[in-house]
Every structure is written in C-alpha cells, then in structure tokens.
Amino acid sequence: KDNAKDTVYLQMNSLKPEDAAVYYCAATTVVYGSLWENIREEHMN
C-alpha cells in the first residue's frame, strides 16, 4: 500500500492461466487473526 496515495497494490508474478479472473478490491473493518481462511467476502463493507 501507499498511504500517501490511499492506494493498495497487488503485484502478480509467475501468472498462470488459472489466475485469470475479475479481481476485486474490498475493504472491511473486521479485525483478523493469523488465518487467511477467516477473511470472507461477507465481511467486506
């Protein structure tokens, strides 16, 4: 992220055909622990 620009980036390397998709940015105020599996789309504001 770049705080000065209020911008978040996703650098994608070694791309595979299965990475093809529509990519969405989302924001939430939910506080998460260490497990990425807990980050769910229904939490996004």
PDB file of all heavy atoms in Angstrom:
ATOM      1  N   LYS A   1       0.844  -1.197   0.000  1.00  0.00           N
ATOM      2  CA  LYS A   1       0.000   0.000   0.000  1.00  0.00           C
ATOM      3  C   LYS A   1       0.870   1.233   0.000  1.00  0.00           C
ATOM      4  O   LYS A   1       2.030   1.216   0.409  1.00  0.00           O
ATOM      5  CB  LYS A   1      -0.932  -0.004   1.201  1.00  0.00           C
ATOM      6  CG  LYS A   1      -0.204  -0.037   2.546  1.00  0.00           C
ATOM      7  CD  LYS A   1      -1.189  -0.081   3.679  1.00  0.00           C
ATOM      8  CE  LYS A   1      -0.458  -0.189   5.023  1.00  0.00           C
ATOM      9  NZ  LYS A   1       0.265   1.036   5.325  1.00  0.00           N
ATOM     10  N   ASP A   2       0.282   2.310  -0.462  1.00  0.00           N
ATOM     11  CA  ASP A   2       0.913   3.622  -0.439  1.00  0.00           C
ATOM     12  C   ASP A   2      -0.011   4.541   0.338  1.00  0.00           C
ATOM     13  O   ASP A   2      -1.064   4.947  -0.177  1.00  0.00           O
ATOM     14  CB  ASP A   2       1.130   4.120  -1.874  1.00  0.00           C
ATOM     15  CG  ASP A   2       1.879   5.431  -1.935  1.00  0.00           C
ATOM     16  OD1 ASP A   2       1.760   6.239  -0.987  1.00  0.00           O
ATOM     17  OD2 ASP A   2       2.583   5.654  -2.928  1.00  0.00           O
ATOM     18  N   ASN A   3       0.362   4.854   1.566  1.00  0.00           N
ATOM     19  CA  ASN A   3      -0.510   5.665   2.414  1.00  0.00           C
ATOM     20  C   ASN A   3      -0.758   7.041   1.820  1.00  0.00           C
ATOM     21  O   ASN A   3      -1.860   7.585   1.925  1.00  0.00           O
ATOM     22  CB  ASN A   3       0.098   5.798   3.801  1.00  0.00           C
ATOM     23  CG  ASN A   3       0.066   4.497   4.565  1.00  0.00           C
ATOM     24  OD1 ASN A   3      -0.650   3.564   4.203  1.00  0.00           O
ATOM     25  ND2 ASN A   3       0.852   4.417   5.622  1.00  0.00           N
ATOM     26  N   ALA A   4       0.268   7.608   1.219  1.00  0.00           N
ATOM     27  CA  ALA A   4       0.138   8.959   0.671  1.00  0.00           C
ATOM     28  C   ALA A   4      -0.867   9.021  -0.468  1.00  0.00           C
ATOM     29  O   ALA A   4      -1.509  10.049  -0.688  1.00  0.00           O
ATOM     30  CB  ALA A   4       1.496   9.464   0.196  1.00  0.00           C
ATOM     31  N   LYS A   5      -1.011   7.917  -1.175  1.00  0.00           N
ATOM     32  CA  LYS A   5      -1.930   7.873  -2.315  1.00  0.00           C
ATOM     33  C   LYS A   5      -3.220   7.140  -1.995  1.00  0.00           C
ATOM     34  O   LYS A   5      -4.082   7.008  -2.871  1.00  0.00           O
ATOM     35  CB  LYS A   5      -1.247   7.200  -3.503  1.00  0.00           C
ATOM     36  CG  LYS A   5      -0.035   7.945  -4.037  1.00  0.00           C
ATOM     37  CD  LYS A   5       0.558   7.232  -5.237  1.00  0.00           C
ATOM     38  CE  LYS A   5       1.754   8.000  -5.792  1.00  0.00           C
ATOM     39  NZ  LYS A   5       2.354   7.318  -6.956  1.00  0.00           N
ATOM     40  N   ASP A   6      -3.348   6.624  -0.759  1.00  0.00           N
ATOM     41  CA  ASP A   6      -4.525   5.835  -0.404  1.00  0.00           C
ATOM     42  C   ASP A   6      -4.767   4.742  -1.444  1.00  0.00           C
ATOM     43  O   ASP A   6      -5.899   4.545  -1.914  1.00  0.00           O
ATOM     44  CB  ASP A   6      -5.772   6.724  -0.268  1.00  0.00           C
ATOM     45  CG  ASP A   6      -5.795   7.505   1.039  1.00  0.00           C
ATOM     46  OD1 ASP A   6      -5.057   7.107   1.964  1.00  0.00           O
ATOM     47  OD2 ASP A   6      -6.522   8.502   1.120  1.00  0.00           O
ATOM     48  N   THR A   7      -3.720   4.053  -1.788  1.00  0.00           N
ATOM     49  CA  THR A   7      -3.790   3.047  -2.840  1.00  0.00           C
ATOM     50  C   THR A   7      -3.163   1.739  -2.364  1.00  0.00           C
ATOM     51  O   THR A   7      -2.116   1.751  -1.707  1.00  0.00           O
ATOM     52  CB  THR A   7      -3.075   3.537  -4.114  1.00  0.00           C
ATOM     53  OG1 THR A   7      -3.728   4.720  -4.585  1.00  0.00           O
ATOM     54  CG2 THR A   7      -3.115   2.483  -5.214  1.00  0.00           C
ATOM     55  N   VAL A   8      -3.824   0.652  -2.695  1.00  0.00           N
ATOM     56  CA  VAL A   8      -3.332  -0.689  -2.404  1.00  0.00           C
ATOM     57  C   VAL A   8      -2.972  -1.355  -3.728  1.00  0.00           C
ATOM     58  O   VAL A   8      -3.684  -1.183  -4.728  1.00  0.00           O
ATOM     59  CB  VAL A   8      -4.398  -1.514  -1.668  1.00  0.00           C
ATOM     60  CG1 VAL A   8      -3.935  -2.955  -1.470  1.00  0.00           C
ATOM     61  CG2 VAL A   8      -4.709  -0.878  -0.323  1.00  0.00           C
ATOM     62  N   TYR A   9      -1.891  -2.090  -3.718  1.00  0.00           N
ATOM     63  CA  TYR A   9      -1.406  -2.739  -4.941  1.00  0.00           C
ATOM     64  C   TYR A   9      -1.402  -4.256  -4.769  1.00  0.00           C
ATOM     65  O   TYR A   9      -1.219  -4.767  -3.670  1.00  0.00           O
ATOM     66  CB  TYR A   9       0.007  -2.273  -5.270  1.00  0.00           C
ATOM     67  CG  TYR A   9       0.135  -0.786  -5.441  1.00  0.00           C
ATOM     68  CD1 TYR A   9       0.610   0.018  -4.404  1.00  0.00           C
ATOM     69  CD2 TYR A   9      -0.242  -0.182  -6.632  1.00  0.00           C
ATOM     70  CE1 TYR A   9       0.717   1.387  -4.556  1.00  0.00           C
ATOM     71  CE2 TYR A   9      -0.131   1.204  -6.793  1.00  0.00           C
ATOM     72  CZ  TYR A   9       0.342   1.970  -5.751  1.00  0.00           C
ATOM     73  OH  TYR A   9       0.442   3.331  -5.910  1.00  0.00           O
ATOM     74  N   LEU A  10      -1.553  -4.930  -5.884  1.00  0.00           N
ATOM     75  CA  LEU A  10      -1.369  -6.377  -5.913  1.00  0.00           C
ATOM     76  C   LEU A  10      -0.397  -6.679  -7.044  1.00  0.00           C
ATOM     77  O   LEU A  10      -0.763  -6.561  -8.213  1.00  0.00           O
ATOM     78  CB  LEU A  10      -2.686  -7.109  -6.125  1.00  0.00           C
ATOM     79  CG  LEU A  10      -2.584  -8.636  -6.074  1.00  0.00           C
ATOM     80  CD1 LEU A  10      -2.246  -9.101  -4.659  1.00  0.00           C
ATOM     81  CD2 LEU A  10      -3.873  -9.296  -6.546  1.00  0.00           C
ATOM     82  N   GLN A  11       0.821  -7.021  -6.688  1.00  0.00           N
ATOM     83  CA  GLN A  11       1.823  -7.416  -7.661  1.00  0.00           C
ATOM     84  C   GLN A  11       1.684  -8.910  -7.919  1.00  0.00           C
ATOM     85  O   GLN A  11       1.807  -9.709  -6.991  1.00  0.00           O
ATOM     86  CB  GLN A  11       3.230  -7.099  -7.149  1.00  0.00           C
ATOM     87  CG  GLN A  11       4.343  -7.524  -8.082  1.00  0.00           C
ATOM     88  CD  GLN A  11       4.353  -6.746  -9.392  1.00  0.00           C
ATOM     89  OE1 GLN A  11       4.185  -5.523  -9.390  1.00  0.00           O
ATOM     90  NE2 GLN A  11       4.557  -7.435 -10.499  1.00  0.00           N
ATOM     91  N   MET A  12       1.441  -9.253  -9.156  1.00  0.00           N
ATOM     92  CA  MET A  12       1.206 -10.653  -9.511  1.00  0.00           C
ATOM     93  C   MET A  12       2.327 -11.118 -10.436  1.00  0.00           C
ATOM     94  O   MET A  12       2.489 -10.568 -11.530  1.00  0.00           O
ATOM     95  CB  MET A  12      -0.153 -10.808 -10.189  1.00  0.00           C
ATOM     96  CG  MET A  12      -1.308 -10.255  -9.361  1.00  0.00           C
ATOM     97  SD  MET A  12      -2.926 -10.588 -10.086  1.00  0.00           S
ATOM     98  CE  MET A  12      -2.806  -9.631 -11.588  1.00  0.00           C
ATOM     99  N   ASN A  13       3.059 -12.096  -9.996  1.00  0.00           N
ATOM    100  CA  ASN A  13       4.182 -12.645 -10.759  1.00  0.00           C
ATOM    101  C   ASN A  13       3.924 -14.112 -11.091  1.00  0.00           C
ATOM    102  O   ASN A  13       3.090 -14.759 -10.468  1.00  0.00           O
ATOM    103  CB  ASN A  13       5.477 -12.516  -9.969  1.00  0.00           C
ATOM    104  CG  ASN A  13       5.808 -11.086  -9.609  1.00  0.00           C
ATOM    105  OD1 ASN A  13       5.612 -10.163 -10.410  1.00  0.00           O
ATOM    106  ND2 ASN A  13       6.334 -10.877  -8.413  1.00  0.00           N
ATOM    107  N   SER A  14       4.667 -14.604 -12.061  1.00  0.00           N
ATOM    108  CA  SER A  14       4.550 -16.013 -12.469  1.00  0.00           C
ATOM    109  C   SER A  14       3.090 -16.399 -12.684  1.00  0.00           C
ATOM    110  O   SER A  14       2.618 -17.424 -12.182  1.00  0.00           O
ATOM    111  CB  SER A  14       5.191 -16.919 -11.411  1.00  0.00           C
ATOM    112  OG  SER A  14       6.541 -16.583 -11.208  1.00  0.00           O
ATOM    113  N   LEU A  15       2.399 -15.586 -13.423  1.00  0.00           N
ATOM    114  CA  LEU A  15       0.966 -15.800 -13.611  1.00  0.00           C
ATOM    115  C   LEU A  15       0.679 -17.080 -14.371  1.00  0.00           C
ATOM    116  O   LEU A  15       1.412 -17.464 -15.304  1.00  0.00           O
ATOM    117  CB  LEU A  15       0.355 -14.605 -14.326  1.00  0.00           C
ATOM    118  CG  LEU A  15       0.117 -13.397 -13.417  1.00  0.00           C
ATOM    119  CD1 LEU A  15      -0.059 -12.125 -14.220  1.00  0.00           C
ATOM    120  CD2 LEU A  15      -1.101 -13.637 -12.536  1.00  0.00           C
ATOM    121  N   LYS A  16      -0.407 -17.722 -13.963  1.00  0.00           N
ATOM    122  CA  LYS A  16      -0.842 -18.973 -14.563  1.00  0.00           C
ATOM    123  C   LYS A  16      -2.215 -18.766 -15.191  1.00  0.00           C
ATOM    124  O   LYS A  16      -2.958 -17.868 -14.787  1.00  0.00           O
ATOM    125  CB  LYS A  16      -0.943 -20.053 -13.485  1.00  0.00           C
ATOM    126  CG  LYS A  16       0.321 -20.268 -12.683  1.00  0.00           C
ATOM    127  CD  LYS A  16       0.084 -21.266 -11.559  1.00  0.00           C
ATOM    128  CE  LYS A  16       1.337 -21.476 -10.724  1.00  0.00           C
ATOM    129  NZ  LYS A  16       1.104 -22.441  -9.625  1.00  0.00           N
ATOM    130  N   PRO A  17      -2.588 -19.601 -16.143  1.00  0.00           N
ATOM    131  CA  PRO A  17      -3.934 -19.476 -16.723  1.00  0.00           C
ATOM    132  C   PRO A  17      -5.032 -19.512 -15.672  1.00  0.00           C
ATOM    133  O   PRO A  17      -6.058 -18.840 -15.822  1.00  0.00           O
ATOM    134  CB  PRO A  17      -3.996 -20.686 -17.665  1.00  0.00           C
ATOM    135  CG  PRO A  17      -2.589 -20.915 -18.068  1.00  0.00           C
ATOM    136  CD  PRO A  17      -1.777 -20.606 -16.840  1.00  0.00           C
ATOM    137  N   GLU A  18      -4.833 -20.270 -14.606  1.00  0.00           N
ATOM    138  CA  GLU A  18      -5.865 -20.347 -13.571  1.00  0.00           C
ATOM    139  C   GLU A  18      -5.961 -19.089 -12.710  1.00  0.00           C
ATOM    140  O   GLU A  18      -6.857 -18.977 -11.866  1.00  0.00           O
ATOM    141  CB  GLU A  18      -5.629 -21.577 -12.672  1.00  0.00           C
ATOM    142  CG  GLU A  18      -4.246 -21.679 -12.090  1.00  0.00           C
ATOM    143  CD  GLU A  18      -3.335 -22.591 -12.902  1.00  0.00           C
ATOM    144  OE1 GLU A  18      -3.396 -22.553 -14.161  1.00  0.00           O
ATOM    145  OE2 GLU A  18      -2.570 -23.350 -12.258  1.00  0.00           O
ATOM    146  N   ASP A  19      -5.043 -18.140 -12.902  1.00  0.00           N
ATOM    147  CA  ASP A  19      -5.155 -16.855 -12.219  1.00  0.00           C
ATOM    148  C   ASP A  19      -6.100 -15.893 -12.947  1.00  0.00           C
ATOM    149  O   ASP A  19      -6.434 -14.826 -12.418  1.00  0.00           O
ATOM    150  CB  ASP A  19      -3.781 -16.181 -12.107  1.00  0.00           C
ATOM    151  CG  ASP A  19      -2.831 -16.943 -11.214  1.00  0.00           C
ATOM    152  OD1 ASP A  19      -3.270 -17.411 -10.139  1.00  0.00           O
ATOM    153  OD2 ASP A  19      -1.642 -17.074 -11.588  1.00  0.00           O
ATOM    154  N   ALA A  20      -6.505 -16.253 -14.149  1.00  0.00           N
ATOM    155  CA  ALA A  20      -7.392 -15.385 -14.914  1.00  0.00           C
ATOM    156  C   ALA A  20      -8.736 -15.245 -14.202  1.00  0.00           C
ATOM    157  O   ALA A  20      -9.355 -16.251 -13.817  1.00  0.00           O
ATOM    158  CB  ALA A  20      -7.601 -15.961 -16.308  1.00  0.00           C
ATOM    159  N   ALA A  21      -9.159 -14.008 -14.025  1.00  0.00           N
ATOM    160  CA  ALA A  21     -10.391 -13.732 -13.289  1.00  0.00           C
ATOM    161  C   ALA A  21     -10.646 -12.231 -13.282  1.00  0.00           C
ATOM    162  O   ALA A  21      -9.785 -11.444 -13.698  1.00  0.00           O
ATOM    163  CB  ALA A  21     -10.273 -14.233 -11.849  1.00  0.00           C
ATOM    164  N   VAL A  22     -11.798 -11.860 -12.787  1.00  0.00           N
ATOM    165  CA  VAL A  22     -12.039 -10.466 -12.424  1.00  0.00           C
ATOM    166  C   VAL A  22     -11.547 -10.295 -10.994  1.00  0.00           C
ATOM    167  O   VAL A  22     -11.947 -11.058 -10.104  1.00  0.00           O
ATOM    168  CB  VAL A  22     -13.522 -10.082 -12.535  1.00  0.00           C
ATOM    169  CG1 VAL A  22     -13.726  -8.646 -12.077  1.00  0.00           C
ATOM    170  CG2 VAL A  22     -14.012 -10.267 -13.966  1.00  0.00           C
ATOM    171  N   TYR A  23     -10.686  -9.326 -10.804  1.00  0.00           N
ATOM    172  CA  TYR A  23     -10.108  -9.076  -9.485  1.00  0.00           C
ATOM    173  C   TYR A  23     -10.811  -7.873  -8.852  1.00  0.00           C
ATOM    174  O   TYR A  23     -10.928  -6.807  -9.467  1.00  0.00           O
ATOM    175  CB  TYR A  23      -8.611  -8.813  -9.605  1.00  0.00           C
ATOM    176  CG  TYR A  23      -7.814 -10.073  -9.781  1.00  0.00           C
ATOM    177  CD1 TYR A  23      -7.870 -10.780 -10.985  1.00  0.00           C
ATOM    178  CD2 TYR A  23      -7.036 -10.589  -8.755  1.00  0.00           C
ATOM    179  CE1 TYR A  23      -7.162 -11.965 -11.157  1.00  0.00           C
ATOM    180  CE2 TYR A  23      -6.317 -11.767  -8.913  1.00  0.00           C
ATOM    181  CZ  TYR A  23      -6.396 -12.450 -10.101  1.00  0.00           C
ATOM    182  OH  TYR A  23      -5.696 -13.624 -10.263  1.00  0.00           O
ATOM    183  N   TYR A  24     -11.256  -8.088  -7.618  1.00  0.00           N
ATOM    184  CA  TYR A  24     -11.993  -7.066  -6.889  1.00  0.00           C
ATOM    185  C   TYR A  24     -11.207  -6.611  -5.670  1.00  0.00           C
ATOM    186  O   TYR A  24     -10.634  -7.435  -4.945  1.00  0.00           O
ATOM    187  CB  TYR A  24     -13.333  -7.610  -6.408  1.00  0.00           C
ATOM    188  CG  TYR A  24     -14.271  -8.015  -7.505  1.00  0.00           C
ATOM    189  CD1 TYR A  24     -14.294  -9.320  -7.980  1.00  0.00           C
ATOM    190  CD2 TYR A  24     -15.158  -7.093  -8.061  1.00  0.00           C
ATOM    191  CE1 TYR A  24     -15.161  -9.704  -8.989  1.00  0.00           C
ATOM    192  CE2 TYR A  24     -16.038  -7.471  -9.068  1.00  0.00           C
ATOM    193  CZ  TYR A  24     -16.031  -8.774  -9.527  1.00  0.00           C
ATOM    194  OH  TYR A  24     -16.893  -9.148 -10.518  1.00  0.00           O
ATOM    195  N   CYS A  25     -11.234  -5.326  -5.430  1.00  0.00           N
ATOM    196  CA  CYS A  25     -10.706  -4.758  -4.202  1.00  0.00           C
ATOM    197  C   CYS A  25     -11.857  -4.592  -3.224  1.00  0.00           C
ATOM    198  O   CYS A  25     -12.988  -4.250  -3.631  1.00  0.00           O
ATOM    199  CB  CYS A  25     -10.071  -3.403  -4.520  1.00  0.00           C
ATOM    200  SG  CYS A  25      -9.351  -2.552  -3.117  1.00  0.00           S
ATOM    201  N   ALA A  26     -11.593  -4.823  -1.960  1.00  0.00           N
ATOM    202  CA  ALA A  26     -12.639  -4.714  -0.952  1.00  0.00           C
ATOM    203  C   ALA A  26     -12.037  -4.229   0.358  1.00  0.00           C
ATOM    204  O   ALA A  26     -10.839  -4.415   0.609  1.00  0.00           O
ATOM    205  CB  ALA A  26     -13.332  -6.059  -0.753  1.00  0.00           C
ATOM    206  N   ALA A  27     -12.882  -3.631   1.189  1.00  0.00           N
ATOM    207  CA  ALA A  27     -12.439  -3.090   2.470  1.00  0.00           C
ATOM    208  C   ALA A  27     -13.370  -3.535   3.576  1.00  0.00           C
ATOM    209  O   ALA A  27     -14.587  -3.613   3.387  1.00  0.00           O
ATOM    210  CB  ALA A  27     -12.393  -1.568   2.406  1.00  0.00           C
ATOM    211  N   THR A  28     -12.786  -3.790   4.739  1.00  0.00           N
ATOM    212  CA  THR A  28     -13.571  -4.178   5.900  1.00  0.00           C
ATOM    213  C   THR A  28     -12.935  -3.630   7.162  1.00  0.00           C
ATOM    214  O   THR A  28     -11.721  -3.412   7.216  1.00  0.00           O
ATOM    215  CB  THR A  28     -13.693  -5.710   5.999  1.00  0.00           C
ATOM    216  OG1 THR A  28     -14.471  -6.037   7.146  1.00  0.00           O
ATOM    217  CG2 THR A  28     -12.321  -6.356   6.155  1.00  0.00           C
ATOM    218  N   THR A  29     -13.769  -3.419   8.179  1.00  0.00           N
ATOM    219  CA  THR A  29     -13.256  -3.013   9.486  1.00  0.00           C
ATOM    220  C   THR A  29     -13.088  -4.208  10.416  1.00  0.00           C
ATOM    221  O   THR A  29     -12.696  -4.045  11.565  1.00  0.00           O
ATOM    222  CB  THR A  29     -14.184  -1.976  10.126  1.00  0.00           C
ATOM    223  OG1 THR A  29     -15.518  -2.512  10.162  1.00  0.00           O
ATOM    224  CG2 THR A  29     -14.190  -0.675   9.328  1.00  0.00           C
ATOM    225  N   VAL A  30     -13.397  -5.393   9.943  1.00  0.00           N
ATOM    226  CA  VAL A  30     -13.209  -6.596  10.743  1.00  0.00           C
ATOM    227  C   VAL A  30     -11.725  -6.775  11.033  1.00  0.00           C
ATOM    228  O   VAL A  30     -10.880  -6.581  10.161  1.00  0.00           O
ATOM    229  CB  VAL A  30     -13.768  -7.832  10.019  1.00  0.00           C
ATOM    230  CG1 VAL A  30     -13.396  -9.117  10.765  1.00  0.00           C
ATOM    231  CG2 VAL A  30     -15.277  -7.719   9.880  1.00  0.00           C
ATOM    232  N   VAL A  31     -11.425  -7.168  12.259  1.00  0.00           N
ATOM    233  CA  VAL A  31     -10.040  -7.413  12.672  1.00  0.00           C
ATOM    234  C   VAL A  31      -9.783  -8.916  12.611  1.00  0.00           C
ATOM    235  O   VAL A  31     -10.530  -9.707  13.192  1.00  0.00           O
ATOM    236  CB  VAL A  31      -9.794  -6.879  14.093  1.00  0.00           C
ATOM    237  CG1 VAL A  31      -8.351  -7.204  14.535  1.00  0.00           C
ATOM    238  CG2 VAL A  31     -10.031  -5.380  14.135  1.00  0.00           C
ATOM    239  N   TYR A  32      -8.733  -9.279  11.907  1.00  0.00           N
ATOM    240  CA  TYR A  32      -8.450 -10.690  11.691  1.00  0.00           C
ATOM    241  C   TYR A  32      -7.222 -11.151  12.468  1.00  0.00           C
ATOM    242  O   TYR A  32      -6.306 -10.384  12.738  1.00  0.00           O
ATOM    243  CB  TYR A  32      -8.227 -10.957  10.203  1.00  0.00           C
ATOM    244  CG  TYR A  32      -9.467 -10.727   9.366  1.00  0.00           C
ATOM    245  CD1 TYR A  32      -9.608  -9.584   8.591  1.00  0.00           C
ATOM    246  CD2 TYR A  32     -10.510 -11.652   9.379  1.00  0.00           C
ATOM    247  CE1 TYR A  32     -10.748  -9.375   7.831  1.00  0.00           C
ATOM    248  CE2 TYR A  32     -11.650 -11.448   8.626  1.00  0.00           C
ATOM    249  CZ  TYR A  32     -11.762 -10.303   7.856  1.00  0.00           C
ATOM    250  OH  TYR A  32     -12.899 -10.099   7.113  1.00  0.00           O
ATOM    251  N   GLY A  33      -7.228 -12.454  12.743  1.00  0.00           N
ATOM    252  CA  GLY A  33      -6.061 -13.101  13.324  1.00  0.00           C
ATOM    253  C   GLY A  33      -5.128 -13.557  12.237  1.00  0.00           C
ATOM    254  O   GLY A  33      -5.017 -12.945  11.182  1.00  0.00           O
ATOM    255  N   SER A  34      -4.486 -14.669  12.454  1.00  0.00           N
ATOM    256  CA  SER A  34      -3.424 -15.109  11.557  1.00  0.00           C
ATOM    257  C   SER A  34      -3.905 -15.923  10.368  1.00  0.00           C
ATOM    258  O   SER A  34      -3.159 -16.102   9.398  1.00  0.00           O
ATOM    259  CB  SER A  34      -2.389 -15.922  12.334  1.00  0.00           C
ATOM    260  OG  SER A  34      -3.012 -17.061  12.898  1.00  0.00           O
ATOM    261  N   LEU A  35      -5.126 -16.407  10.379  1.00  0.00           N
ATOM    262  CA  LEU A  35      -5.577 -17.340   9.347  1.00  0.00           C
ATOM    263  C   LEU A  35      -6.247 -16.611   8.193  1.00  0.00           C
ATOM    264  O   LEU A  35      -7.280 -15.967   8.363  1.00  0.00           O
ATOM    265  CB  LEU A  35      -6.533 -18.362   9.944  1.00  0.00           C
ATOM    266  CG  LEU A  35      -5.962 -19.256  11.033  1.00  0.00           C
ATOM    267  CD1 LEU A  35      -7.035 -20.195  11.564  1.00  0.00           C
ATOM    268  CD2 LEU A  35      -4.760 -20.047  10.528  1.00  0.00           C
ATOM    269  N   TRP A  36      -5.705 -16.775   6.989  1.00  0.00           N
ATOM    270  CA  TRP A  36      -6.300 -16.112   5.831  1.00  0.00           C
ATOM    271  C   TRP A  36      -7.678 -16.688   5.522  1.00  0.00           C
ATOM    272  O   TRP A  36      -8.520 -16.027   4.936  1.00  0.00           O
ATOM    273  CB  TRP A  36      -5.387 -16.229   4.614  1.00  0.00           C
ATOM    274  CG  TRP A  36      -5.202 -17.616   4.070  1.00  0.00           C
ATOM    275  CD1 TRP A  36      -4.191 -18.479   4.357  1.00  0.00           C
ATOM    276  CD2 TRP A  36      -6.045 -18.299   3.138  1.00  0.00           C
ATOM    277  NE1 TRP A  36      -4.356 -19.650   3.665  1.00  0.00           N
ATOM    278  CE2 TRP A  36      -5.478 -19.575   2.902  1.00  0.00           C
ATOM    279  CE3 TRP A  36      -7.228 -17.964   2.480  1.00  0.00           C
ATOM    280  CZ2 TRP A  36      -6.046 -20.497   2.034  1.00  0.00           C
ATOM    281  CZ3 TRP A  36      -7.800 -18.887   1.606  1.00  0.00           C
ATOM    282  CH2 TRP A  36      -7.209 -20.136   1.397  1.00  0.00           C
ATOM    283  N   GLU A  37      -7.881 -17.938   5.929  1.00  0.00           N
ATOM    284  CA  GLU A  37      -9.165 -18.584   5.655  1.00  0.00           C
ATOM    285  C   GLU A  37     -10.346 -17.877   6.329  1.00  0.00           C
ATOM    286  O   GLU A  37     -11.495 -18.097   5.946  1.00  0.00           O
ATOM    287  CB  GLU A  37      -9.132 -20.056   6.101  1.00  0.00           C
ATOM    288  CG  GLU A  37      -8.187 -20.941   5.304  1.00  0.00           C
ATOM    289  CD  GLU A  37      -6.788 -20.984   5.885  1.00  0.00           C
ATOM    290  OE1 GLU A  37      -6.422 -20.070   6.657  1.00  0.00           O
ATOM    291  OE2 GLU A  37      -6.052 -21.936   5.572  1.00  0.00           O
ATOM    292  N   ASN A  38     -10.056 -17.059   7.341  1.00  0.00           N
ATOM    293  CA  ASN A  38     -11.128 -16.351   8.050  1.00  0.00           C
ATOM    294  C   ASN A  38     -11.578 -15.076   7.344  1.00  0.00           C
ATOM    295  O   ASN A  38     -12.563 -14.471   7.758  1.00  0.00           O
ATOM    296  CB  ASN A  38     -10.685 -16.009   9.462  1.00  0.00           C
ATOM    297  CG  ASN A  38     -10.544 -17.252  10.329  1.00  0.00           C
ATOM    298  OD1 ASN A  38     -11.190 -18.277  10.073  1.00  0.00           O
ATOM    299  ND2 ASN A  38      -9.714 -17.177  11.345  1.00  0.00           N
ATOM    300  N   ILE A  39     -10.850 -14.675   6.321  1.00  0.00           N
ATOM    301  CA  ILE A  39     -11.187 -13.445   5.599  1.00  0.00           C
ATOM    302  C   ILE A  39     -12.213 -13.806   4.529  1.00  0.00           C
ATOM    303  O   ILE A  39     -11.892 -14.431   3.525  1.00  0.00           O
ATOM    304  CB  ILE A  39      -9.940 -12.798   4.994  1.00  0.00           C
ATOM    305  CG1 ILE A  39      -8.925 -12.486   6.102  1.00  0.00           C
ATOM    306  CG2 ILE A  39     -10.315 -11.517   4.236  1.00  0.00           C
ATOM    307  CD1 ILE A  39      -7.603 -11.953   5.605  1.00  0.00           C
ATOM    308  N   ARG A  40     -13.438 -13.387   4.740  1.00  0.00           N
ATOM    309  CA  ARG A  40     -14.561 -13.820   3.907  1.00  0.00           C
ATOM    310  C   ARG A  40     -15.204 -12.625   3.217  1.00  0.00           C
ATOM    311  O   ARG A  40     -15.272 -11.531   3.775  1.00  0.00           O
ATOM    312  CB  ARG A  40     -15.593 -14.548   4.749  1.00  0.00           C
ATOM    313  CG  ARG A  40     -15.039 -15.780   5.440  1.00  0.00           C
ATOM    314  CD  ARG A  40     -16.090 -16.422   6.329  1.00  0.00           C
ATOM    315  NE  ARG A  40     -15.584 -17.596   7.026  1.00  0.00           N
ATOM    316  CZ  ARG A  40     -15.601 -18.816   6.525  1.00  0.00           C
ATOM    317  NH1 ARG A  40     -16.087 -19.029   5.321  1.00  0.00           N
ATOM    318  NH2 ARG A  40     -15.129 -19.828   7.230  1.00  0.00           N
ATOM    319  N   GLU A  41     -15.757 -12.869   2.058  1.00  0.00           N
ATOM    320  CA  GLU A  41     -16.351 -11.766   1.304  1.00  0.00           C
ATOM    321  C   GLU A  41     -17.540 -11.157   2.027  1.00  0.00           C
ATOM    322  O   GLU A  41     -17.803  -9.969   1.870  1.00  0.00           O
ATOM    323  CB  GLU A  41     -16.734 -12.225  -0.101  1.00  0.00           C
ATOM    324  CG  GLU A  41     -17.755 -13.322  -0.180  1.00  0.00           C
ATOM    325  CD  GLU A  41     -18.136 -13.598  -1.626  1.00  0.00           C
ATOM    326  OE1 GLU A  41     -18.549 -12.652  -2.316  1.00  0.00           O
ATOM    327  OE2 GLU A  41     -18.030 -14.752  -2.068  1.00  0.00           O
ATOM    328  N   GLU A  42     -18.244 -11.942   2.821  1.00  0.00           N
ATOM    329  CA  GLU A  42     -19.405 -11.392   3.525  1.00  0.00           C
ATOM    330  C   GLU A  42     -19.003 -10.397   4.614  1.00  0.00           C
ATOM    331  O   GLU A  42     -19.850  -9.684   5.140  1.00  0.00           O
ATOM    332  CB  GLU A  42     -20.274 -12.506   4.116  1.00  0.00           C
ATOM    333  CG  GLU A  42     -19.558 -13.482   5.006  1.00  0.00           C
ATOM    334  CD  GLU A  42     -19.152 -14.748   4.248  1.00  0.00           C
ATOM    335  OE1 GLU A  42     -18.815 -14.660   3.053  1.00  0.00           O
ATOM    336  OE2 GLU A  42     -19.180 -15.827   4.885  1.00  0.00           O
ATOM    337  N   HIS A  43     -17.724 -10.355   4.957  1.00  0.00           N
ATOM    338  CA  HIS A  43     -17.234  -9.385   5.942  1.00  0.00           C
ATOM    339  C   HIS A  43     -16.966  -8.015   5.329  1.00  0.00           C
ATOM    340  O   HIS A  43     -16.805  -7.037   6.054  1.00  0.00           O
ATOM    341  CB  HIS A  43     -15.936  -9.876   6.568  1.00  0.00           C
ATOM    342  CG  HIS A  43     -16.056 -11.144   7.337  1.00  0.00           C
ATOM    343  ND1 HIS A  43     -14.969 -11.917   7.681  1.00  0.00           N
ATOM    344  CD2 HIS A  43     -17.136 -11.790   7.840  1.00  0.00           C
ATOM    345  CE1 HIS A  43     -15.384 -12.975   8.347  1.00  0.00           C
ATOM    346  NE2 HIS A  43     -16.703 -12.927   8.450  1.00  0.00           N
ATOM    347  N   MET A  44     -16.876  -7.943   4.006  1.00  0.00           N
ATOM    348  CA  MET A  44     -16.451  -6.716   3.355  1.00  0.00           C
ATOM    349  C   MET A  44     -17.549  -5.663   3.374  1.00  0.00           C
ATOM    350  O   MET A  44     -18.712  -5.971   3.096  1.00  0.00           O
ATOM    351  CB  MET A  44     -16.027  -7.000   1.913  1.00  0.00           C
ATOM    352  CG  MET A  44     -14.894  -8.014   1.793  1.00  0.00           C
ATOM    353  SD  MET A  44     -13.392  -7.471   2.594  1.00  0.00           S
ATOM    354  CE  MET A  44     -13.008  -8.941   3.582  1.00  0.00           C
ATOM    355  N   ASN A  45     -17.160  -4.438   3.715  1.00  0.00           N
ATOM    356  CA  ASN A  45     -18.098  -3.333   3.771  1.00  0.00           C
ATOM    357  C   ASN A  45     -18.215  -2.600   2.445  1.00  0.00           C
ATOM    358  O   ASN A  45     -19.262  -2.035   2.130  1.00  0.00           O
ATOM    359  CB  ASN A  45     -17.667  -2.333   4.851  1.00  0.00           C
ATOM    360  CG  ASN A  45     -17.524  -2.962   6.209  1.00  0.00           C
ATOM    361  OD1 ASN A  45     -16.439  -3.014   6.779  1.00  0.00           O
ATOM    362  ND2 ASN A  45     -18.617  -3.464   6.745  1.00  0.00           N
TER     363      ASN A  45
END
